[in-house]
Amino acid sequence: MGILDGIVEWISEQVMNGLDLITTSVLGALGCDMSTFLRYFPAAKSMYKIFVATAIGLVLLNLVWQVFKNFGLIAGIEAEDPIKLSIRSILFILLIYFCNQITDIILKIGGTPYTWILNSEIPPISFSNFNSVLLTIIGVCASGSVALIALILVLIFGLETTLNCFFEAAERYVLLGVLVYTAPMAFATGASQSTANIFKSWCRMFGGQVFLLVMNAWCLRLFTSMVGNFIANPLSL
């Protein structure tokens, strides 16, 4: 079993190092930074100004409509207080204008633990000899061939799971980019009490996507460490 131990140790180290390299490279591109999103969707930056202008126009239109309901021909219909509405509209127009800076600050805050996770070192593999009773019986009966087949199956399972996690991380990253570059429209809904719940839902969704990106990086790094150690110690009790 000594030769098999050496083969398994070498395979486990190479697999974990390869997965770690791929994981850090992919997660480094799909982090809390919109540079990769703009590289593949450059039109999002140019069309962002359209959303800003449209959002400011919606806030002003809502302000005029609410004032008209208070002092116009449709008297008697419930409407918001014009003073509070004016203050709220001015506030959210400023938020819309500086929306890009606001989302950048949030992304930087979320990107700090994300970077810490990517830069953290994975502990080296603690390789143990195959002293398990079950593995010893398998080795005697099949001369180690069954153990090698088990290692190949674990390797296939690890690669498949990692690819699925990568696709999920890419989907979350694209959704985060959509939320960032359509943020002015969400901010416009906060200027009125009747649509404030939409803005609150967007805030929860945006914060949730940043949190999920951080947790996705943590899970992938954790999974990479697990695959290497599991391959190094298959069937050990």
C-alpha atoms as a PDB file:
ATOM      1  CA  MET A   1       0.000   0.000   0.000  1.00  0.00           C
ATOM      2  CA  GLY A   2       3.029   2.307   0.163  1.00  0.00           C
ATOM      3  CA  ILE A   3       3.022   3.032  -3.592  1.00  0.00           C
ATOM      4  CA  LEU A   4      -0.716   3.673  -3.522  1.00  0.00           C
ATOM      5  CA  ASP A   5      -0.238   6.067  -0.596  1.00  0.00           C
ATOM      6  CA  GLY A   6       2.264   8.097  -2.613  1.00  0.00           C
ATOM      7  CA  ILE A   7       0.021   8.192  -5.683  1.00  0.00           C
ATOM      8  CA  VAL A   8      -3.007   9.280  -3.688  1.00  0.00           C
ATOM      9  CA  GLU A   9      -1.036  11.944  -1.822  1.00  0.00           C
ATOM     10  CA  TRP A  10       0.302  13.414  -5.060  1.00  0.00           C
ATOM     11  CA  ILE A  11      -3.132  13.348  -6.740  1.00  0.00           C
ATOM     12  CA  SER A  12      -4.833  14.967  -3.751  1.00  0.00           C
ATOM     13  CA  GLU A  13      -2.264  17.767  -3.568  1.00  0.00           C
ATOM     14  CA  GLN A  14      -2.474  18.495  -7.300  1.00  0.00           C
ATOM     15  CA  VAL A  15      -6.272  18.435  -7.287  1.00  0.00           C
ATOM     16  CA  MET A  16      -6.548  20.800  -4.323  1.00  0.00           C
ATOM     17  CA  ASN A  17      -3.916  23.178  -5.730  1.00  0.00           C
ATOM     18  CA  GLY A  18      -5.607  23.165  -9.147  1.00  0.00           C
ATOM     19  CA  LEU A  19      -9.056  23.748  -7.701  1.00  0.00           C
ATOM     20  CA  ASP A  20      -7.711  26.511  -5.480  1.00  0.00           C
ATOM     21  CA  LEU A  21      -6.061  28.239  -8.451  1.00  0.00           C
ATOM     22  CA  ILE A  22      -9.191  28.021 -10.591  1.00  0.00           C
ATOM     23  CA  THR A  23     -11.449  29.065  -7.715  1.00  0.00           C
ATOM     24  CA  THR A  24      -9.433  32.147  -6.770  1.00  0.00           C
ATOM     25  CA  SER A  25      -9.119  33.171 -10.439  1.00  0.00           C
ATOM     26  CA  VAL A  26     -12.833  32.857 -11.168  1.00  0.00           C
ATOM     27  CA  LEU A  27     -13.966  34.363  -7.877  1.00  0.00           C
ATOM     28  CA  GLY A  28     -11.473  37.200  -8.310  1.00  0.00           C
ATOM     29  CA  ALA A  29     -13.245  38.147 -11.543  1.00  0.00           C
ATOM     30  CA  LEU A  30     -16.764  37.560 -10.177  1.00  0.00           C
ATOM     31  CA  GLY A  31     -16.444  39.610  -7.004  1.00  0.00           C
ATOM     32  CA  CYS A  32     -17.889  42.874  -5.712  1.00  0.00           C
ATOM     33  CA  ASP A  33     -16.328  44.754  -8.603  1.00  0.00           C
ATOM     34  CA  MET A  34     -18.217  45.652 -11.766  1.00  0.00           C
ATOM     35  CA  SER A  35     -15.150  45.785 -14.039  1.00  0.00           C
ATOM     36  CA  THR A  36     -15.793  42.287 -15.402  1.00  0.00           C
ATOM     37  CA  PHE A  37     -19.486  43.070 -15.881  1.00  0.00           C
ATOM     38  CA  LEU A  38     -18.640  46.199 -17.891  1.00  0.00           C
ATOM     39  CA  ARG A  39     -16.089  44.266 -19.933  1.00  0.00           C
ATOM     40  CA  TYR A  40     -18.793  41.929 -21.238  1.00  0.00           C
ATOM     41  CA  PHE A  41     -21.719  44.379 -21.050  1.00  0.00           C
ATOM     42  CA  PRO A  42     -20.190  47.778 -21.964  1.00  0.00           C
ATOM     43  CA  ALA A  43     -23.569  49.230 -22.961  1.00  0.00           C
ATOM     44  CA  ALA A  44     -24.666  49.165 -19.303  1.00  0.00           C
ATOM     45  CA  LYS A  45     -22.429  52.137 -18.491  1.00  0.00           C
ATOM     46  CA  SER A  46     -23.641  54.276 -21.388  1.00  0.00           C
ATOM     47  CA  MET A  47     -27.313  53.468 -20.750  1.00  0.00           C
ATOM     48  CA  TYR A  48     -26.894  54.231 -17.045  1.00  0.00           C
ATOM     49  CA  LYS A  49     -27.341  57.954 -17.764  1.00  0.00           C
ATOM     50  CA  ILE A  50     -30.698  57.172 -19.363  1.00  0.00           C
ATOM     51  CA  PHE A  51     -31.883  55.508 -16.161  1.00  0.00           C
ATOM     52  CA  VAL A  52     -30.664  58.484 -14.096  1.00  0.00           C
ATOM     53  CA  ALA A  53     -32.573  60.990 -16.266  1.00  0.00           C
ATOM     54  CA  THR A  54     -35.680  58.800 -16.329  1.00  0.00           C
ATOM     55  CA  ALA A  55     -35.616  58.315 -12.561  1.00  0.00           C
ATOM     56  CA  ILE A  56     -35.321  62.071 -11.883  1.00  0.00           C
ATOM     57  CA  GLY A  57     -38.163  62.689 -14.330  1.00  0.00           C
ATOM     58  CA  LEU A  58     -40.377  60.142 -12.518  1.00  0.00           C
ATOM     59  CA  VAL A  59     -39.696  61.799  -9.160  1.00  0.00           C
ATOM     60  CA  LEU A  60     -40.611  65.243 -10.538  1.00  0.00           C
ATOM     61  CA  LEU A  61     -43.686  63.842 -12.257  1.00  0.00           C
ATOM     62  CA  ASN A  62     -44.840  62.238  -9.028  1.00  0.00           C
ATOM     63  CA  LEU A  63     -44.236  65.524  -7.179  1.00  0.00           C
ATOM     64  CA  VAL A  64     -46.368  67.456  -9.645  1.00  0.00           C
ATOM     65  CA  TRP A  65     -49.116  64.826  -9.547  1.00  0.00           C
ATOM     66  CA  GLN A  66     -49.265  64.764  -5.740  1.00  0.00           C
ATOM     67  CA  VAL A  67     -49.365  68.590  -5.567  1.00  0.00           C
ATOM     68  CA  PHE A  68     -52.072  68.607  -8.208  1.00  0.00           C
ATOM     69  CA  LYS A  69     -54.113  66.158  -6.129  1.00  0.00           C
ATOM     70  CA  ASN A  70     -53.781  68.466  -3.122  1.00  0.00           C
ATOM     71  CA  PHE A  71     -54.530  71.806  -4.770  1.00  0.00           C
ATOM     72  CA  GLY A  72     -55.974  70.961  -8.149  1.00  0.00           C
ATOM     73  CA  LEU A  73     -59.246  69.815  -9.555  1.00  0.00           C
ATOM     74  CA  ILE A  74     -59.205  66.394  -7.913  1.00  0.00           C
ATOM     75  CA  ALA A  75     -59.701  67.782  -4.413  1.00  0.00           C
ATOM     76  CA  GLY A  76     -60.835  65.349  -1.778  1.00  0.00           C
ATOM     77  CA  ILE A  77     -58.650  62.456  -2.975  1.00  0.00           C
ATOM     78  CA  GLU A  78     -56.044  61.322  -0.458  1.00  0.00           C
ATOM     79  CA  ALA A  79     -52.578  62.607  -1.214  1.00  0.00           C
ATOM     80  CA  GLU A  80     -49.261  63.031   0.516  1.00  0.00           C
ATOM     81  CA  ASP A  81     -48.331  66.107   2.468  1.00  0.00           C
ATOM     82  CA  PRO A  82     -46.807  68.517  -0.073  1.00  0.00           C
ATOM     83  CA  ILE A  83     -44.072  69.794   2.259  1.00  0.00           C
ATOM     84  CA  LYS A  84     -42.915  66.322   3.265  1.00  0.00           C
ATOM     85  CA  LEU A  85     -43.237  65.153  -0.335  1.00  0.00           C
ATOM     86  CA  SER A  86     -41.096  68.059  -1.579  1.00  0.00           C
ATOM     87  CA  ILE A  87     -38.366  67.364   0.963  1.00  0.00           C
ATOM     88  CA  ARG A  88     -38.480  63.652   0.168  1.00  0.00           C
ATOM     89  CA  SER A  89     -38.380  64.296  -3.578  1.00  0.00           C
ATOM     90  CA  ILE A  90     -35.358  66.614  -3.303  1.00  0.00           C
ATOM     91  CA  LEU A  91     -33.593  64.059  -1.115  1.00  0.00           C
ATOM     92  CA  PHE A  92     -34.149  61.194  -3.540  1.00  0.00           C
ATOM     93  CA  ILE A  93     -33.209  63.301  -6.558  1.00  0.00           C
ATOM     94  CA  LEU A  94     -29.842  63.838  -4.878  1.00  0.00           C
ATOM     95  CA  LEU A  95     -29.621  60.122  -4.088  1.00  0.00           C
ATOM     96  CA  ILE A  96     -30.374  59.283  -7.721  1.00  0.00           C
ATOM     97  CA  TYR A  97     -27.736  61.721  -8.957  1.00  0.00           C
ATOM     98  CA  PHE A  98     -25.100  60.194  -6.650  1.00  0.00           C
ATOM     99  CA  CYS A  99     -26.470  56.672  -6.959  1.00  0.00           C
ATOM    100  CA  ASN A 100     -23.312  55.382  -8.622  1.00  0.00           C
ATOM    101  CA  GLN A 101     -21.134  56.521  -5.729  1.00  0.00           C
ATOM    102  CA  ILE A 102     -23.560  55.029  -3.194  1.00  0.00           C
ATOM    103  CA  THR A 103     -23.540  51.591  -4.824  1.00  0.00           C
ATOM    104  CA  ASP A 104     -19.743  51.727  -5.159  1.00  0.00           C
ATOM    105  CA  ILE A 105     -19.411  52.336  -1.406  1.00  0.00           C
ATOM    106  CA  ILE A 106     -21.663  49.355  -0.652  1.00  0.00           C
ATOM    107  CA  LEU A 107     -19.708  47.168  -3.083  1.00  0.00           C
ATOM    108  CA  LYS A 108     -16.430  48.185  -1.449  1.00  0.00           C
ATOM    109  CA  ILE A 109     -17.812  47.336   1.986  1.00  0.00           C
ATOM    110  CA  GLY A 110     -18.968  43.917   0.747  1.00  0.00           C
ATOM    111  CA  GLY A 111     -15.750  43.421  -1.215  1.00  0.00           C
ATOM    112  CA  THR A 112     -13.580  43.728   1.904  1.00  0.00           C
ATOM    113  CA  PRO A 113     -14.550  40.356   3.484  1.00  0.00           C
ATOM    114  CA  TYR A 114     -14.725  38.908  -0.046  1.00  0.00           C
ATOM    115  CA  THR A 115     -11.056  39.795  -0.589  1.00  0.00           C
ATOM    116  CA  TRP A 116     -10.123  38.451   2.839  1.00  0.00           C
ATOM    117  CA  ILE A 117     -11.686  35.094   1.956  1.00  0.00           C
ATOM    118  CA  LEU A 118      -9.875  34.903  -1.396  1.00  0.00           C
ATOM    119  CA  ASN A 119      -6.509  35.814   0.151  1.00  0.00           C
ATOM    120  CA  SER A 120      -6.802  33.384   3.050  1.00  0.00           C
ATOM    121  CA  GLU A 121      -4.494  30.379   2.844  1.00  0.00           C
ATOM    122  CA  ILE A 122      -5.953  26.890   2.677  1.00  0.00           C
ATOM    123  CA  PRO A 123      -4.349  24.579   5.278  1.00  0.00           C
ATOM    124  CA  PRO A 124      -2.039  21.953   3.765  1.00  0.00           C
ATOM    125  CA  ILE A 125      -3.332  18.441   3.306  1.00  0.00           C
ATOM    126  CA  SER A 126      -2.861  16.235   6.343  1.00  0.00           C
ATOM    127  CA  PHE A 127      -2.183  12.962   4.557  1.00  0.00           C
ATOM    128  CA  SER A 128      -2.810   9.818   6.596  1.00  0.00           C
ATOM    129  CA  ASN A 129      -1.861   6.281   5.652  1.00  0.00           C
ATOM    130  CA  PHE A 130      -4.610   3.868   4.748  1.00  0.00           C
ATOM    131  CA  ASN A 131      -4.858   2.193   8.134  1.00  0.00           C
ATOM    132  CA  SER A 132      -8.625   1.812   7.964  1.00  0.00           C
ATOM    133  CA  VAL A 133      -9.857  -1.736   8.419  1.00  0.00           C
ATOM    134  CA  LEU A 134     -12.291  -1.336   5.564  1.00  0.00           C
ATOM    135  CA  LEU A 135      -9.628  -0.031   3.169  1.00  0.00           C
ATOM    136  CA  THR A 136      -7.212  -2.763   4.186  1.00  0.00           C
ATOM    137  CA  ILE A 137      -9.777  -5.416   3.291  1.00  0.00           C
ATOM    138  CA  ILE A 138     -10.395  -3.730  -0.066  1.00  0.00           C
ATOM    139  CA  GLY A 139      -6.660  -3.521  -0.739  1.00  0.00           C
ATOM    140  CA  VAL A 140      -6.145  -7.207  -0.012  1.00  0.00           C
ATOM    141  CA  CYS A 141      -9.064  -8.262  -2.193  1.00  0.00           C
ATOM    142  CA  ALA A 142      -8.492  -5.981  -5.165  1.00  0.00           C
ATOM    143  CA  SER A 143      -4.841  -4.906  -4.834  1.00  0.00           C
ATOM    144  CA  GLY A 144      -5.785  -1.235  -4.544  1.00  0.00           C
ATOM    145  CA  SER A 145      -7.755  -1.007  -7.776  1.00  0.00           C
ATOM    146  CA  VAL A 146     -11.024  -0.314  -6.005  1.00  0.00           C
ATOM    147  CA  ALA A 147      -9.407   2.484  -4.033  1.00  0.00           C
ATOM    148  CA  LEU A 148      -8.153   4.125  -7.227  1.00  0.00           C
ATOM    149  CA  ILE A 149     -11.633   3.885  -8.763  1.00  0.00           C
ATOM    150  CA  ALA A 150     -13.037   5.536  -5.652  1.00  0.00           C
ATOM    151  CA  LEU A 151     -10.535   8.367  -6.047  1.00  0.00           C
ATOM    152  CA  ILE A 152     -11.534   8.907  -9.679  1.00  0.00           C
ATOM    153  CA  LEU A 153     -15.213   9.066  -8.723  1.00  0.00           C
ATOM    154  CA  VAL A 154     -14.462  11.598  -5.994  1.00  0.00           C
ATOM    155  CA  LEU A 155     -12.456  13.670  -8.489  1.00  0.00           C
ATOM    156  CA  ILE A 156     -15.329  13.681 -11.000  1.00  0.00           C
ATOM    157  CA  PHE A 157     -17.811  14.615  -8.287  1.00  0.00           C
ATOM    158  CA  GLY A 158     -15.576  17.440  -7.071  1.00  0.00           C
ATOM    159  CA  LEU A 159     -15.108  18.935 -10.541  1.00  0.00           C
ATOM    160  CA  GLU A 160     -18.821  18.717 -11.336  1.00  0.00           C
ATOM    161  CA  THR A 161     -19.795  20.378  -8.061  1.00  0.00           C
ATOM    162  CA  THR A 162     -17.198  23.114  -8.574  1.00  0.00           C
ATOM    163  CA  LEU A 163     -18.500  23.880 -12.075  1.00  0.00           C
ATOM    164  CA  ASN A 164     -22.049  24.125 -10.744  1.00  0.00           C
ATOM    165  CA  CYS A 165     -20.868  26.547  -8.063  1.00  0.00           C
ATOM    166  CA  PHE A 166     -19.074  28.621 -10.713  1.00  0.00           C
ATOM    167  CA  PHE A 167     -22.244  28.886 -12.811  1.00  0.00           C
ATOM    168  CA  GLU A 168     -24.200  29.908  -9.717  1.00  0.00           C
ATOM    169  CA  ALA A 169     -21.580  32.538  -8.831  1.00  0.00           C
ATOM    170  CA  ALA A 170     -21.686  33.917 -12.398  1.00  0.00           C
ATOM    171  CA  GLU A 171     -25.492  34.122 -12.268  1.00  0.00           C
ATOM    172  CA  ARG A 172     -25.385  36.029  -8.980  1.00  0.00           C
ATOM    173  CA  TYR A 173     -22.700  38.342 -10.323  1.00  0.00           C
ATOM    174  CA  VAL A 174     -24.730  39.214 -13.421  1.00  0.00           C
ATOM    175  CA  LEU A 175     -27.822  39.820 -11.273  1.00  0.00           C
ATOM    176  CA  LEU A 176     -25.777  42.105  -9.016  1.00  0.00           C
ATOM    177  CA  GLY A 177     -24.608  44.053 -12.068  1.00  0.00           C
ATOM    178  CA  VAL A 178     -28.201  44.468 -13.225  1.00  0.00           C
ATOM    179  CA  LEU A 179     -29.179  45.769  -9.786  1.00  0.00           C
ATOM    180  CA  VAL A 180     -26.269  48.229  -9.763  1.00  0.00           C
ATOM    181  CA  TYR A 181     -26.876  49.726 -13.199  1.00  0.00           C
ATOM    182  CA  THR A 182     -30.653  49.942 -12.797  1.00  0.00           C
ATOM    183  CA  ALA A 183     -30.397  51.354  -9.259  1.00  0.00           C
ATOM    184  CA  PRO A 184     -31.640  54.864 -10.220  1.00  0.00           C
ATOM    185  CA  MET A 185     -35.050  53.436 -11.112  1.00  0.00           C
ATOM    186  CA  ALA A 186     -35.238  51.751  -7.699  1.00  0.00           C
ATOM    187  CA  PHE A 187     -34.248  54.984  -5.959  1.00  0.00           C
ATOM    188  CA  ALA A 188     -37.020  56.816  -7.820  1.00  0.00           C
ATOM    189  CA  THR A 189     -39.627  54.615  -6.135  1.00  0.00           C
ATOM    190  CA  GLY A 190     -38.461  55.770  -2.705  1.00  0.00           C
ATOM    191  CA  ALA A 191     -39.635  59.346  -3.264  1.00  0.00           C
ATOM    192  CA  SER A 192     -43.284  58.436  -2.704  1.00  0.00           C
ATOM    193  CA  GLN A 193     -44.871  56.673   0.255  1.00  0.00           C
ATOM    194  CA  SER A 194     -47.065  54.583  -2.048  1.00  0.00           C
ATOM    195  CA  THR A 195     -44.007  53.050  -3.776  1.00  0.00           C
ATOM    196  CA  ALA A 196     -41.553  53.110  -0.871  1.00  0.00           C
ATOM    197  CA  ASN A 197     -41.965  49.361  -0.363  1.00  0.00           C
ATOM    198  CA  ILE A 198     -40.462  48.762  -3.815  1.00  0.00           C
ATOM    199  CA  PHE A 199     -37.352  50.689  -2.812  1.00  0.00           C
ATOM    200  CA  LYS A 200     -37.104  48.755   0.467  1.00  0.00           C
ATOM    201  CA  SER A 201     -37.387  45.459  -1.421  1.00  0.00           C
ATOM    202  CA  TRP A 202     -34.626  46.551  -3.797  1.00  0.00           C
ATOM    203  CA  CYS A 203     -32.375  47.423  -0.847  1.00  0.00           C
ATOM    204  CA  ARG A 204     -32.935  43.983   0.664  1.00  0.00           C
ATOM    205  CA  MET A 205     -32.282  42.308  -2.677  1.00  0.00           C
ATOM    206  CA  PHE A 206     -29.117  44.311  -3.311  1.00  0.00           C
ATOM    207  CA  GLY A 207     -27.727  43.651   0.161  1.00  0.00           C
ATOM    208  CA  GLY A 208     -28.688  39.979  -0.132  1.00  0.00           C
ATOM    209  CA  GLN A 209     -26.827  39.563  -3.430  1.00  0.00           C
ATOM    210  CA  VAL A 210     -23.662  41.087  -1.966  1.00  0.00           C
ATOM    211  CA  PHE A 211     -23.944  38.773   1.042  1.00  0.00           C
ATOM    212  CA  LEU A 212     -24.540  35.738  -1.190  1.00  0.00           C
ATOM    213  CA  LEU A 213     -21.436  36.558  -3.240  1.00  0.00           C
ATOM    214  CA  VAL A 214     -19.347  36.615  -0.061  1.00  0.00           C
ATOM    215  CA  MET A 215     -20.868  33.324   1.136  1.00  0.00           C
ATOM    216  CA  ASN A 216     -20.355  31.785  -2.299  1.00  0.00           C
ATOM    217  CA  ALA A 217     -16.621  32.551  -2.120  1.00  0.00           C
ATOM    218  CA  TRP A 218     -16.459  31.096   1.393  1.00  0.00           C
ATOM    219  CA  CYS A 219     -18.264  27.894   0.357  1.00  0.00           C
ATOM    220  CA  LEU A 220     -16.038  27.361  -2.699  1.00  0.00           C
ATOM    221  CA  ARG A 221     -12.820  27.794  -0.720  1.00  0.00           C
ATOM    222  CA  LEU A 222     -14.199  25.474   1.947  1.00  0.00           C
ATOM    223  CA  PHE A 223     -15.184  22.907  -0.681  1.00  0.00           C
ATOM    224  CA  THR A 224     -11.727  23.049  -2.275  1.00  0.00           C
ATOM    225  CA  SER A 225     -10.084  22.229   1.053  1.00  0.00           C
ATOM    226  CA  MET A 226     -12.573  19.424   1.683  1.00  0.00           C
ATOM    227  CA  VAL A 227     -11.996  17.764  -1.707  1.00  0.00           C
ATOM    228  CA  GLY A 228      -8.221  17.661  -1.235  1.00  0.00           C
ATOM    229  CA  ASN A 229      -8.392  16.185   2.252  1.00  0.00           C
ATOM    230  CA  PHE A 230     -11.112  13.715   1.306  1.00  0.00           C
ATOM    231  CA  ILE A 231      -9.092  12.408  -1.614  1.00  0.00           C
ATOM    232  CA  ALA A 232      -6.021  12.144   0.607  1.00  0.00           C
ATOM    233  CA  ASN A 233      -7.906  10.064   3.175  1.00  0.00           C
ATOM    234  CA  PRO A 234     -10.574   8.058   1.354  1.00  0.00           C
ATOM    235  CA  LEU A 235     -12.604   5.575   3.371  1.00  0.00           C
ATOM    236  CA  SER A 236     -10.611   6.343   6.519  1.00  0.00           C
ATOM    237  CA  LEU A 237     -12.401   5.719   9.801  1.00  0.00           C
END
